[in-house]
Amino acid sequence: MPGRPILIDLAIALCAGYVATRVSDKAQRLFYRLTPVTEKLREPDYPGCSSAEQAARMTAEALGVRRTRRRIGIMKSCIHYGLGSLWGALYPPLRRAPGLGPLAAGTALGAGLSVLVDEGVCPALGITAPNRAYPLSAHARGLAVHLVYGLTLALCAEALRRALRTRDEEAAG
């Protein structure tokens, strides 16, 4: 079946993107705990919640959906894990680019997610405060978290690919 490898790559990438999002959530909490209080105090309190929750609130308002805590929680999870999973779908074609191995592809995707989404889309849409409102340490922490995402994405995708290849080889032999 000609489309099978592409569909398998997509399924692997979506799963790896989800796992990478879960792991980067843990890294974000750890890195925030390690951030000095003086740096945390320099960060704006806008919007007073996570960017995923703010995006959920804004989406609900734009759609005219009543904003209950439960609905916002569900929308927040869909936005956060949906973005992380879908961003993972960029891994297979990037991984196949000449000269890029798994770690380089993962690093590029993590850095791209940080720059495009955190530093670009979120402030442009008012999901977060403007970039200049945050100290350099907050930007560095965000980049570090997204690099964890990218590296986890690559490691997970490669492990899943190897596991499937091994299973297929065992079934054939």
N, C-alpha and C. Protein backbone atom coordinates (compact mmCIF):
# COMPACT_ATOMS: atom_id res chain seq x y z
N MET A 1 0.85 -1.18 0.00
CA MET A 1 0.00 0.00 0.00
C MET A 1 0.89 1.24 0.00
N PRO A 2 0.85 2.08 -1.07
CA PRO A 2 1.79 3.16 -1.23
C PRO A 2 1.73 4.23 -0.13
N GLY A 3 0.57 4.54 0.41
CA GLY A 3 0.45 5.60 1.42
C GLY A 3 0.77 5.15 2.83
N ARG A 4 0.97 3.85 3.02
CA ARG A 4 1.16 3.32 4.37
C ARG A 4 2.35 3.94 5.10
N PRO A 5 3.55 4.04 4.50
CA PRO A 5 4.67 4.64 5.23
C PRO A 5 4.40 6.09 5.66
N ILE A 6 3.72 6.84 4.83
CA ILE A 6 3.40 8.22 5.18
C ILE A 6 2.43 8.26 6.36
N LEU A 7 1.42 7.40 6.33
CA LEU A 7 0.46 7.35 7.43
C LEU A 7 1.11 6.88 8.73
N ILE A 8 2.02 5.92 8.61
CA ILE A 8 2.74 5.45 9.80
C ILE A 8 3.61 6.57 10.35
N ASP A 9 4.33 7.26 9.47
CA ASP A 9 5.14 8.40 9.90
C ASP A 9 4.29 9.45 10.60
N LEU A 10 3.13 9.73 10.05
CA LEU A 10 2.24 10.73 10.65
C LEU A 10 1.76 10.27 12.02
N ALA A 11 1.34 9.02 12.13
CA ALA A 11 0.88 8.50 13.42
C ALA A 11 2.00 8.55 14.46
N ILE A 12 3.19 8.15 14.06
CA ILE A 12 4.34 8.20 14.97
C ILE A 12 4.61 9.63 15.40
N ALA A 13 4.60 10.55 14.44
CA ALA A 13 4.90 11.95 14.74
C ALA A 13 3.86 12.57 15.67
N LEU A 14 2.60 12.26 15.45
CA LEU A 14 1.55 12.79 16.33
C LEU A 14 1.70 12.26 17.75
N CYS A 15 1.97 10.97 17.86
CA CYS A 15 2.19 10.37 19.20
C CYS A 15 3.42 10.97 19.86
N ALA A 16 4.50 11.09 19.11
CA ALA A 16 5.73 11.65 19.65
C ALA A 16 5.53 13.11 20.05
N GLY A 17 4.74 13.85 19.27
CA GLY A 17 4.44 15.24 19.62
C GLY A 17 3.67 15.35 20.92
N TYR A 18 2.75 14.44 21.13
CA TYR A 18 2.00 14.42 22.39
C TYR A 18 2.92 14.11 23.57
N VAL A 19 3.74 13.08 23.42
CA VAL A 19 4.67 12.71 24.49
C VAL A 19 5.63 13.86 24.77
N ALA A 20 6.15 14.48 23.71
CA ALA A 20 7.07 15.60 23.88
C ALA A 20 6.41 16.77 24.61
N THR A 21 5.13 16.98 24.36
CA THR A 21 4.40 18.05 25.06
C THR A 21 4.30 17.72 26.54
N ARG A 22 3.99 16.48 26.85
CA ARG A 22 3.91 16.07 28.27
C ARG A 22 5.25 16.25 28.97
N VAL A 23 6.32 15.83 28.31
CA VAL A 23 7.65 15.95 28.91
C VAL A 23 8.04 17.41 29.06
N SER A 24 7.77 18.22 28.05
CA SER A 24 8.14 19.64 28.15
C SER A 24 7.32 20.37 29.21
N ASP A 25 6.11 19.91 29.49
CA ASP A 25 5.33 20.48 30.60
C ASP A 25 6.08 20.28 31.92
N LYS A 26 6.64 19.10 32.10
CA LYS A 26 7.40 18.81 33.32
C LYS A 26 8.67 19.66 33.37
N ALA A 27 9.33 19.80 32.22
CA ALA A 27 10.53 20.64 32.16
C ALA A 27 10.19 22.09 32.47
N GLN A 28 9.06 22.56 31.97
CA GLN A 28 8.65 23.94 32.22
C GLN A 28 8.46 24.18 33.72
N ARG A 29 7.80 23.26 34.39
CA ARG A 29 7.61 23.41 35.84
C ARG A 29 8.95 23.41 36.57
N LEU A 30 9.84 22.51 36.17
CA LEU A 30 11.15 22.45 36.81
C LEU A 30 11.94 23.73 36.57
N PHE A 31 12.01 24.18 35.32
CA PHE A 31 12.76 25.38 35.00
C PHE A 31 12.19 26.60 35.71
N TYR A 32 10.86 26.66 35.84
CA TYR A 32 10.25 27.79 36.54
C TYR A 32 10.63 27.77 38.02
N ARG A 33 10.62 26.58 38.62
CA ARG A 33 11.02 26.47 40.04
C ARG A 33 12.47 26.91 40.23
N LEU A 34 13.31 26.65 39.25
CA LEU A 34 14.73 27.01 39.34
C LEU A 34 15.00 28.48 39.02
N THR A 35 13.99 29.18 38.50
CA THR A 35 14.15 30.60 38.18
C THR A 35 14.19 31.41 39.46
N PRO A 36 15.18 32.30 39.61
CA PRO A 36 15.24 33.13 40.82
C PRO A 36 13.98 33.99 40.97
N VAL A 37 13.59 34.18 42.21
CA VAL A 37 12.38 34.97 42.51
C VAL A 37 12.49 36.37 41.92
N THR A 38 13.68 36.96 41.95
CA THR A 38 13.85 38.31 41.41
C THR A 38 13.50 38.36 39.93
N GLU A 39 13.80 37.28 39.20
CA GLU A 39 13.46 37.22 37.77
C GLU A 39 11.96 37.01 37.58
N LYS A 40 11.38 36.15 38.40
CA LYS A 40 9.93 35.90 38.31
C LYS A 40 9.15 37.18 38.55
N LEU A 41 9.62 38.00 39.49
CA LEU A 41 8.92 39.26 39.80
C LEU A 41 8.97 40.25 38.65
N ARG A 42 9.92 40.10 37.75
CA ARG A 42 10.04 40.99 36.59
C ARG A 42 9.11 40.59 35.45
N GLU A 43 8.49 39.40 35.57
CA GLU A 43 7.60 38.92 34.51
C GLU A 43 6.20 39.50 34.68
N PRO A 44 5.55 39.87 33.58
CA PRO A 44 4.19 40.42 33.69
C PRO A 44 3.20 39.36 34.17
N ASP A 45 2.16 39.81 34.83
CA ASP A 45 1.11 38.90 35.31
C ASP A 45 0.01 38.75 34.26
N TYR A 46 0.21 39.30 33.08
CA TYR A 46 -0.78 39.21 32.02
C TYR A 46 -0.60 37.90 31.29
N PRO A 47 -1.59 37.17 31.02
CA PRO A 47 -3.01 37.37 31.29
C PRO A 47 -3.46 36.77 32.62
N GLY A 48 -2.52 36.31 33.46
CA GLY A 48 -2.90 35.72 34.74
C GLY A 48 -3.16 34.23 34.65
N CYS A 49 -2.88 33.64 33.50
CA CYS A 49 -3.08 32.20 33.31
C CYS A 49 -2.11 31.75 32.21
N SER A 50 -2.11 30.47 31.91
CA SER A 50 -1.22 29.97 30.86
C SER A 50 -1.66 30.49 29.49
N SER A 51 -0.74 30.46 28.55
CA SER A 51 -1.09 30.92 27.20
C SER A 51 -2.17 30.02 26.59
N ALA A 52 -2.14 28.73 26.90
CA ALA A 52 -3.17 27.82 26.37
C ALA A 52 -4.54 28.17 26.95
N GLU A 53 -4.57 28.50 28.23
CA GLU A 53 -5.85 28.88 28.84
C GLU A 53 -6.35 30.21 28.28
N GLN A 54 -5.44 31.16 28.08
CA GLN A 54 -5.83 32.45 27.51
C GLN A 54 -6.34 32.25 26.08
N ALA A 55 -5.68 31.40 25.31
CA ALA A 55 -6.14 31.10 23.95
C ALA A 55 -7.52 30.45 23.99
N ALA A 56 -7.75 29.58 24.96
CA ALA A 56 -9.06 28.94 25.11
C ALA A 56 -10.13 29.97 25.44
N ARG A 57 -9.82 30.88 26.35
CA ARG A 57 -10.77 31.94 26.71
C ARG A 57 -11.10 32.82 25.51
N MET A 58 -10.07 33.20 24.77
CA MET A 58 -10.28 34.06 23.60
C MET A 58 -11.07 33.32 22.52
N THR A 59 -10.79 32.04 22.33
CA THR A 59 -11.52 31.24 21.34
C THR A 59 -12.98 31.11 21.72
N ALA A 60 -13.24 30.82 22.99
CA ALA A 60 -14.63 30.69 23.45
C ALA A 60 -15.38 32.00 23.25
N GLU A 61 -14.72 33.11 23.57
CA GLU A 61 -15.36 34.41 23.38
C GLU A 61 -15.65 34.67 21.91
N ALA A 62 -14.69 34.38 21.05
CA ALA A 62 -14.86 34.61 19.61
C ALA A 62 -15.98 33.74 19.03
N LEU A 63 -16.14 32.54 19.57
CA LEU A 63 -17.18 31.63 19.08
C LEU A 63 -18.53 31.84 19.76
N GLY A 64 -18.55 32.71 20.76
CA GLY A 64 -19.79 32.94 21.48
C GLY A 64 -20.17 31.79 22.40
N VAL A 65 -19.19 31.02 22.82
CA VAL A 65 -19.42 29.88 23.71
C VAL A 65 -19.36 30.36 25.15
N ARG A 66 -20.32 29.91 25.95
CA ARG A 66 -20.33 30.27 27.37
C ARG A 66 -19.07 29.70 28.02
N ARG A 67 -18.37 30.55 28.76
CA ARG A 67 -17.08 30.15 29.33
C ARG A 67 -17.25 29.60 30.74
N THR A 68 -17.42 28.31 30.83
CA THR A 68 -17.43 27.66 32.13
C THR A 68 -16.01 27.15 32.40
N ARG A 69 -15.71 26.92 33.67
CA ARG A 69 -14.38 26.43 34.03
C ARG A 69 -14.10 25.10 33.32
N ARG A 70 -15.10 24.25 33.26
CA ARG A 70 -14.94 22.93 32.62
C ARG A 70 -14.65 23.07 31.12
N ARG A 71 -15.44 23.91 30.44
CA ARG A 71 -15.24 24.10 29.00
C ARG A 71 -13.86 24.69 28.70
N ILE A 72 -13.49 25.69 29.47
CA ILE A 72 -12.18 26.30 29.25
C ILE A 72 -11.08 25.28 29.49
N GLY A 73 -11.24 24.44 30.51
CA GLY A 73 -10.25 23.40 30.79
C GLY A 73 -10.11 22.42 29.64
N ILE A 74 -11.23 22.03 29.07
CA ILE A 74 -11.20 21.10 27.93
C ILE A 74 -10.57 21.77 26.72
N MET A 75 -10.99 23.01 26.45
CA MET A 75 -10.43 23.74 25.31
C MET A 75 -8.93 23.97 25.48
N LYS A 76 -8.53 24.30 26.69
CA LYS A 76 -7.12 24.53 27.00
C LYS A 76 -6.30 23.28 26.67
N SER A 77 -6.77 22.13 27.12
CA SER A 77 -6.06 20.87 26.86
C SER A 77 -6.01 20.57 25.36
N CYS A 78 -7.13 20.79 24.68
CA CYS A 78 -7.17 20.55 23.23
C CYS A 78 -6.18 21.45 22.50
N ILE A 79 -6.14 22.71 22.88
CA ILE A 79 -5.22 23.65 22.24
C ILE A 79 -3.77 23.27 22.53
N HIS A 80 -3.47 23.04 23.80
CA HIS A 80 -2.09 22.77 24.20
C HIS A 80 -1.57 21.46 23.60
N TYR A 81 -2.30 20.37 23.84
CA TYR A 81 -1.83 19.07 23.35
C TYR A 81 -2.05 18.92 21.85
N GLY A 82 -3.07 19.59 21.32
CA GLY A 82 -3.28 19.58 19.87
C GLY A 82 -2.13 20.24 19.14
N LEU A 83 -1.71 21.41 19.63
CA LEU A 83 -0.59 22.10 18.99
C LEU A 83 0.68 21.26 19.10
N GLY A 84 0.94 20.72 20.28
CA GLY A 84 2.14 19.90 20.45
C GLY A 84 2.15 18.67 19.57
N SER A 85 1.00 18.02 19.45
CA SER A 85 0.90 16.83 18.60
C SER A 85 1.03 17.19 17.13
N LEU A 86 0.31 18.23 16.71
CA LEU A 86 0.35 18.62 15.30
C LEU A 86 1.72 19.15 14.89
N TRP A 87 2.39 19.86 15.79
CA TRP A 87 3.74 20.35 15.48
C TRP A 87 4.66 19.16 15.22
N GLY A 88 4.40 18.07 15.93
CA GLY A 88 5.18 16.85 15.73
C GLY A 88 5.09 16.32 14.31
N ALA A 89 3.98 16.61 13.62
CA ALA A 89 3.82 16.14 12.24
C ALA A 89 4.85 16.75 11.29
N LEU A 90 5.50 17.82 11.72
CA LEU A 90 6.56 18.42 10.90
C LEU A 90 7.87 17.63 10.97
N TYR A 91 7.96 16.74 11.95
CA TYR A 91 9.22 16.02 12.16
C TYR A 91 9.61 15.11 10.99
N PRO A 92 8.74 14.23 10.48
CA PRO A 92 9.19 13.31 9.42
C PRO A 92 9.80 14.00 8.19
N PRO A 93 9.16 15.02 7.62
CA PRO A 93 9.81 15.62 6.45
C PRO A 93 11.11 16.35 6.80
N LEU A 94 11.15 16.97 7.97
CA LEU A 94 12.38 17.67 8.36
C LEU A 94 13.49 16.65 8.64
N ARG A 95 13.13 15.55 9.23
CA ARG A 95 14.10 14.49 9.54
C ARG A 95 14.74 13.95 8.27
N ARG A 96 14.01 13.96 7.18
CA ARG A 96 14.52 13.43 5.92
C ARG A 96 15.31 14.47 5.12
N ALA A 97 15.35 15.70 5.59
CA ALA A 97 16.10 16.74 4.88
C ALA A 97 17.58 16.36 4.87
N PRO A 98 18.25 16.59 3.75
CA PRO A 98 19.67 16.23 3.66
C PRO A 98 20.49 16.91 4.76
N GLY A 99 21.30 16.11 5.40
CA GLY A 99 22.20 16.64 6.42
C GLY A 99 21.61 16.79 7.81
N LEU A 100 20.31 16.51 7.95
CA LEU A 100 19.70 16.64 9.28
C LEU A 100 19.46 15.26 9.88
N GLY A 101 20.04 15.03 11.01
CA GLY A 101 19.76 13.81 11.75
C GLY A 101 18.61 14.07 12.70
N PRO A 102 18.25 13.08 13.49
CA PRO A 102 17.12 13.22 14.41
C PRO A 102 17.28 14.38 15.40
N LEU A 103 18.46 14.49 16.01
CA LEU A 103 18.63 15.53 17.03
C LEU A 103 18.62 16.93 16.43
N ALA A 104 19.20 17.08 15.24
CA ALA A 104 19.17 18.39 14.58
C ALA A 104 17.74 18.75 14.18
N ALA A 105 17.00 17.77 13.66
CA ALA A 105 15.61 18.03 13.28
C ALA A 105 14.77 18.38 14.50
N GLY A 106 14.96 17.64 15.59
CA GLY A 106 14.22 17.93 16.82
C GLY A 106 14.56 19.29 17.39
N THR A 107 15.85 19.62 17.39
CA THR A 107 16.28 20.93 17.89
C THR A 107 15.68 22.05 17.04
N ALA A 108 15.70 21.88 15.73
CA ALA A 108 15.13 22.90 14.84
C ALA A 108 13.63 23.07 15.09
N LEU A 109 12.92 21.96 15.27
CA LEU A 109 11.48 22.05 15.53
C LEU A 109 11.18 22.69 16.88
N GLY A 110 11.96 22.36 17.89
CA GLY A 110 11.76 22.98 19.20
C GLY A 110 12.03 24.47 19.16
N ALA A 111 13.13 24.86 18.52
CA ALA A 111 13.46 26.28 18.41
C ALA A 111 12.40 27.00 17.57
N GLY A 112 11.96 26.36 16.50
CA GLY A 112 10.93 26.96 15.66
C GLY A 112 9.62 27.18 16.40
N LEU A 113 9.24 26.21 17.20
CA LEU A 113 8.02 26.34 18.01
C LEU A 113 8.14 27.52 18.96
N SER A 114 9.29 27.65 19.59
CA SER A 114 9.52 28.75 20.53
C SER A 114 9.42 30.10 19.82
N VAL A 115 10.14 30.22 18.72
CA VAL A 115 10.20 31.50 18.01
C VAL A 115 8.86 31.84 17.36
N LEU A 116 8.30 30.90 16.62
CA LEU A 116 7.07 31.20 15.88
C LEU A 116 5.84 31.36 16.78
N VAL A 117 5.67 30.45 17.72
CA VAL A 117 4.45 30.47 18.54
C VAL A 117 4.62 31.37 19.76
N ASP A 118 5.61 31.07 20.61
CA ASP A 118 5.76 31.85 21.85
C ASP A 118 6.18 33.29 21.60
N GLU A 119 7.12 33.47 20.70
CA GLU A 119 7.66 34.81 20.47
C GLU A 119 6.92 35.56 19.36
N GLY A 120 6.16 34.86 18.55
CA GLY A 120 5.47 35.49 17.43
C GLY A 120 3.96 35.54 17.55
N VAL A 121 3.33 34.39 17.39
CA VAL A 121 1.87 34.32 17.34
C VAL A 121 1.22 34.76 18.65
N CYS A 122 1.70 34.24 19.77
CA CYS A 122 1.05 34.55 21.06
C CYS A 122 1.03 36.04 21.38
N PRO A 123 2.16 36.75 21.31
CA PRO A 123 2.08 38.19 21.58
C PRO A 123 1.31 38.95 20.49
N ALA A 124 1.42 38.50 19.25
CA ALA A 124 0.72 39.20 18.16
C ALA A 124 -0.79 39.12 18.32
N LEU A 125 -1.29 38.01 18.84
CA LEU A 125 -2.73 37.84 19.03
C LEU A 125 -3.21 38.33 20.40
N GLY A 126 -2.29 38.79 21.24
CA GLY A 126 -2.68 39.24 22.58
C GLY A 126 -2.89 38.11 23.56
N ILE A 127 -2.41 36.93 23.22
CA ILE A 127 -2.52 35.78 24.12
C ILE A 127 -1.57 35.98 25.30
N THR A 128 -0.41 36.54 25.01
CA THR A 128 0.56 36.89 26.05
C THR A 128 0.90 38.37 25.92
N ALA A 129 1.59 38.88 26.91
CA ALA A 129 2.05 40.26 26.86
C ALA A 129 3.09 40.40 25.74
N PRO A 130 3.37 41.63 25.31
CA PRO A 130 4.40 41.81 24.28
C PRO A 130 5.75 41.26 24.76
N ASN A 131 6.57 40.82 23.83
CA ASN A 131 7.87 40.22 24.18
C ASN A 131 8.72 41.12 25.06
N ARG A 132 8.71 42.41 24.80
CA ARG A 132 9.56 43.34 25.55
C ARG A 132 9.16 43.43 27.02
N ALA A 133 7.97 42.95 27.38
CA ALA A 133 7.52 42.99 28.78
C ALA A 133 8.18 41.91 29.62
N TYR A 134 8.79 40.94 28.99
CA TYR A 134 9.41 39.81 29.71
C TYR A 134 10.91 40.00 29.81
N PRO A 135 11.50 39.60 30.94
CA PRO A 135 12.96 39.65 31.04
C PRO A 135 13.58 38.58 30.13
N LEU A 136 14.84 38.77 29.81
CA LEU A 136 15.55 37.83 28.95
C LEU A 136 15.50 36.41 29.52
N SER A 137 15.51 36.29 30.84
CA SER A 137 15.48 34.96 31.47
C SER A 137 14.21 34.20 31.11
N ALA A 138 13.09 34.89 30.97
CA ALA A 138 11.83 34.23 30.60
C ALA A 138 11.90 33.70 29.17
N HIS A 139 12.51 34.49 28.27
CA HIS A 139 12.66 34.04 26.89
C HIS A 139 13.61 32.84 26.82
N ALA A 140 14.69 32.89 27.59
CA ALA A 140 15.65 31.78 27.62
C ALA A 140 14.99 30.52 28.18
N ARG A 141 14.19 30.69 29.23
CA ARG A 141 13.49 29.54 29.81
C ARG A 141 12.52 28.94 28.79
N GLY A 142 11.79 29.79 28.09
CA GLY A 142 10.86 29.31 27.07
C GLY A 142 11.57 28.56 25.96
N LEU A 143 12.71 29.09 25.51
CA LEU A 143 13.48 28.40 24.48
C LEU A 143 13.97 27.05 24.99
N ALA A 144 14.47 27.02 26.22
CA ALA A 144 14.96 25.76 26.79
C ALA A 144 13.85 24.71 26.86
N VAL A 145 12.66 25.13 27.27
CA VAL A 145 11.52 24.21 27.36
C VAL A 145 11.19 23.66 25.97
N HIS A 146 11.23 24.51 24.96
CA HIS A 146 10.89 24.06 23.61
C HIS A 146 12.00 23.20 23.00
N LEU A 147 13.23 23.42 23.43
CA LEU A 147 14.30 22.51 22.99
C LEU A 147 14.12 21.13 23.61
N VAL A 148 13.67 21.10 24.87
CA VAL A 148 13.32 19.81 25.49
C VAL A 148 12.22 19.13 24.68
N TYR A 149 11.22 19.92 24.27
CA TYR A 149 10.13 19.38 23.43
C TYR A 149 10.72 18.75 22.16
N GLY A 150 11.54 19.51 21.45
CA GLY A 150 12.08 19.05 20.18
C GLY A 150 12.95 17.81 20.30
N LEU A 151 13.79 17.79 21.32
CA LEU A 151 14.66 16.62 21.51
C LEU A 151 13.85 15.40 21.94
N THR A 152 12.85 15.61 22.78
CA THR A 152 11.98 14.50 23.18
C THR A 152 11.20 13.98 21.98
N LEU A 153 10.72 14.89 21.15
CA LEU A 153 10.01 14.52 19.93
C LEU A 153 10.88 13.61 19.07
N ALA A 154 12.12 14.02 18.85
CA ALA A 154 13.02 13.24 18.01
C ALA A 154 13.31 11.87 18.62
N LEU A 155 13.63 11.85 19.90
CA LEU A 155 13.95 10.57 20.56
C LEU A 155 12.75 9.62 20.55
N CYS A 156 11.58 10.15 20.83
CA CYS A 156 10.38 9.32 20.86
C CYS A 156 10.02 8.82 19.46
N ALA A 157 10.07 9.70 18.47
CA ALA A 157 9.73 9.29 17.10
C ALA A 157 10.70 8.22 16.60
N GLU A 158 11.97 8.40 16.87
CA GLU A 158 12.96 7.42 16.41
C GLU A 158 12.77 6.08 17.13
N ALA A 159 12.47 6.12 18.42
CA ALA A 159 12.23 4.88 19.17
C ALA A 159 11.00 4.15 18.63
N LEU A 160 9.94 4.89 18.34
CA LEU A 160 8.73 4.27 17.78
C LEU A 160 8.99 3.68 16.40
N ARG A 161 9.75 4.42 15.58
CA ARG A 161 10.08 3.90 14.24
C ARG A 161 10.87 2.61 14.33
N ARG A 162 11.88 2.59 15.21
CA ARG A 162 12.68 1.37 15.39
C ARG A 162 11.83 0.21 15.90
N ALA A 163 10.95 0.50 16.84
CA ALA A 163 10.09 -0.56 17.40
C ALA A 163 9.18 -1.14 16.32
N LEU A 164 8.61 -0.28 15.49
CA LEU A 164 7.74 -0.78 14.41
C LEU A 164 8.53 -1.55 13.36
N ARG A 165 9.72 -1.06 13.04
CA ARG A 165 10.55 -1.74 12.05
C ARG A 165 10.95 -3.13 12.57
N THR A 166 11.32 -3.21 13.83
CA THR A 166 11.68 -4.50 14.43
C THR A 166 10.50 -5.45 14.42
N ARG A 167 9.33 -4.94 14.76
CA ARG A 167 8.13 -5.78 14.77
C ARG A 167 7.82 -6.30 13.38
N ASP A 168 7.92 -5.41 12.36
CA ASP A 168 7.67 -5.83 10.98
C ASP A 168 8.69 -6.87 10.52
N GLU A 169 9.95 -6.69 10.91
CA GLU A 169 10.99 -7.65 10.52
C GLU A 169 10.74 -9.00 11.17
N GLU A 170 10.31 -9.00 12.42
CA GLU A 170 10.02 -10.26 13.11
C GLU A 170 8.83 -10.97 12.47
N ALA A 171 7.83 -10.20 12.07
CA ALA A 171 6.64 -10.79 11.44
C ALA A 171 6.99 -11.38 10.06
N ALA A 172 7.92 -10.73 9.35
CA ALA A 172 8.28 -11.19 8.01
C ALA A 172 9.24 -12.39 8.06
N GLY A 173 10.01 -12.49 9.13
CA GLY A 173 11.06 -13.51 9.14
C GLY A 173 10.74 -14.66 9.96
